[in-house]
Amino acid sequence: MTPHFQRQQQRILNHYQRQHKHNQLESLTIISEELILSDNPNVRKVLVTAQMRDYFTNDRLSDEDNEKRREATYIERFSEIWEFKQVDG
């Protein structure tokens, strides 16, 4: 994760924390991966297809209410391009 992206993500997490929200990611399964050709030998791109359950709990809610949120959340399939860069050898 680049420092810039890490700072962005930290701001998002801090916002969630102030709202007493906790992001839950469960059952992450990679379905497939495919190398994408690149002209740059220091960069590798991979098309990843995966699935997971992504939902929020709230520490102000009861365990029962948080479990209801979990049960109401579907496992979703998604695709992303993951980019890997060789830095400093």
Protein backbone atom coordinates (compact mmCIF):
# COMPACT_ATOMS: atom_id res chain seq x y z
CA MET A 1 0.00 0.00 0.00
CA THR A 2 1.45 3.36 -0.94
CA PRO A 3 1.82 5.94 1.85
CA HIS A 4 -0.79 8.17 0.15
CA PHE A 5 -3.35 5.36 -0.07
CA GLN A 6 -2.59 4.31 3.50
CA ARG A 7 -3.31 7.86 4.74
CA GLN A 8 -6.61 7.87 2.82
CA GLN A 9 -7.63 4.56 4.33
CA GLN A 10 -6.65 5.71 7.82
CA ARG A 11 -8.89 8.79 7.48
CA ILE A 12 -11.79 6.51 6.52
CA LEU A 13 -11.12 4.20 9.48
CA ASN A 14 -10.90 7.16 11.87
CA HIS A 15 -14.29 8.37 10.60
CA TYR A 16 -15.80 4.92 11.20
CA GLN A 17 -14.32 4.81 14.69
CA ARG A 18 -15.92 8.14 15.63
CA GLN A 19 -19.27 6.66 14.53
CA HIS A 20 -18.61 3.47 16.55
CA LYS A 21 -18.64 1.47 13.31
CA HIS A 22 -16.41 -1.53 12.68
CA ASN A 23 -16.00 -2.89 9.17
CA GLN A 24 -16.17 -6.69 9.11
CA LEU A 25 -14.76 -8.68 6.20
CA GLU A 26 -15.45 -12.41 6.25
CA SER A 27 -15.06 -15.45 4.07
CA LEU A 28 -12.67 -13.89 1.57
CA THR A 29 -12.12 -16.43 -1.18
CA ILE A 30 -10.08 -15.85 -4.31
CA ILE A 31 -11.93 -17.46 -7.21
CA SER A 32 -9.43 -16.79 -9.99
CA GLU A 33 -6.46 -14.69 -10.95
CA GLU A 34 -5.18 -13.73 -14.39
CA LEU A 35 -1.88 -12.07 -15.22
CA ILE A 36 -2.32 -8.95 -17.37
CA LEU A 37 0.54 -8.33 -19.76
CA SER A 38 2.52 -5.14 -19.18
CA ASP A 39 5.22 -3.35 -21.13
CA ASN A 40 6.93 -2.37 -17.88
CA PRO A 41 9.11 -5.20 -16.48
CA ASN A 42 8.92 -3.68 -12.96
CA VAL A 43 5.12 -3.78 -12.85
CA ARG A 44 2.89 -6.84 -12.66
CA LYS A 45 -0.88 -6.53 -12.90
CA VAL A 46 -3.22 -9.30 -11.90
CA LEU A 47 -6.97 -9.44 -12.45
CA VAL A 48 -8.35 -11.01 -9.28
CA THR A 49 -11.90 -12.31 -8.97
CA ALA A 50 -12.95 -13.01 -5.40
CA GLN A 51 -15.90 -13.04 -3.06
CA MET A 52 -16.50 -12.02 0.55
CA ARG A 53 -19.02 -10.76 3.05
CA ASP A 54 -18.49 -7.06 3.91
CA TYR A 55 -20.63 -5.41 6.60
CA PHE A 56 -20.51 -3.06 9.59
CA THR A 57 -21.09 -3.69 13.25
CA ASN A 58 -21.63 -0.94 15.78
CA ASP A 59 -20.42 -1.13 19.37
CA ARG A 60 -23.53 0.79 20.47
CA LEU A 61 -25.80 -2.04 19.26
CA SER A 62 -26.50 -5.33 20.97
CA ASP A 63 -24.77 -8.53 19.85
CA GLU A 64 -28.14 -9.70 18.55
CA ASP A 65 -28.60 -6.61 16.37
CA ASN A 66 -25.07 -6.86 15.03
CA GLU A 67 -25.65 -10.53 14.21
CA LYS A 68 -28.82 -9.57 12.32
CA ARG A 69 -26.74 -7.17 10.23
CA ARG A 70 -24.29 -9.96 9.48
CA GLU A 71 -27.03 -12.40 8.50
CA ALA A 72 -28.65 -9.81 6.21
CA THR A 73 -25.41 -9.31 4.26
CA TYR A 74 -24.81 -11.35 1.13
CA ILE A 75 -21.48 -12.75 0.07
CA GLU A 76 -20.62 -10.63 -2.96
CA ARG A 77 -18.36 -11.46 -5.90
CA PHE A 78 -16.06 -8.75 -7.26
CA SER A 79 -13.10 -8.24 -9.57
CA GLU A 80 -10.11 -5.97 -8.99
CA ILE A 81 -6.82 -5.30 -10.68
CA TRP A 82 -3.96 -5.69 -8.24
CA GLU A 83 -0.77 -3.92 -9.25
CA PHE A 84 2.61 -5.02 -7.95
CA LYS A 85 5.64 -2.76 -8.45
CA GLN A 86 9.25 -3.61 -7.84
CA VAL A 87 10.72 -0.76 -5.81
CA ASP A 88 14.43 -0.33 -5.07
CA GLY A 89 15.36 -3.74 -6.48
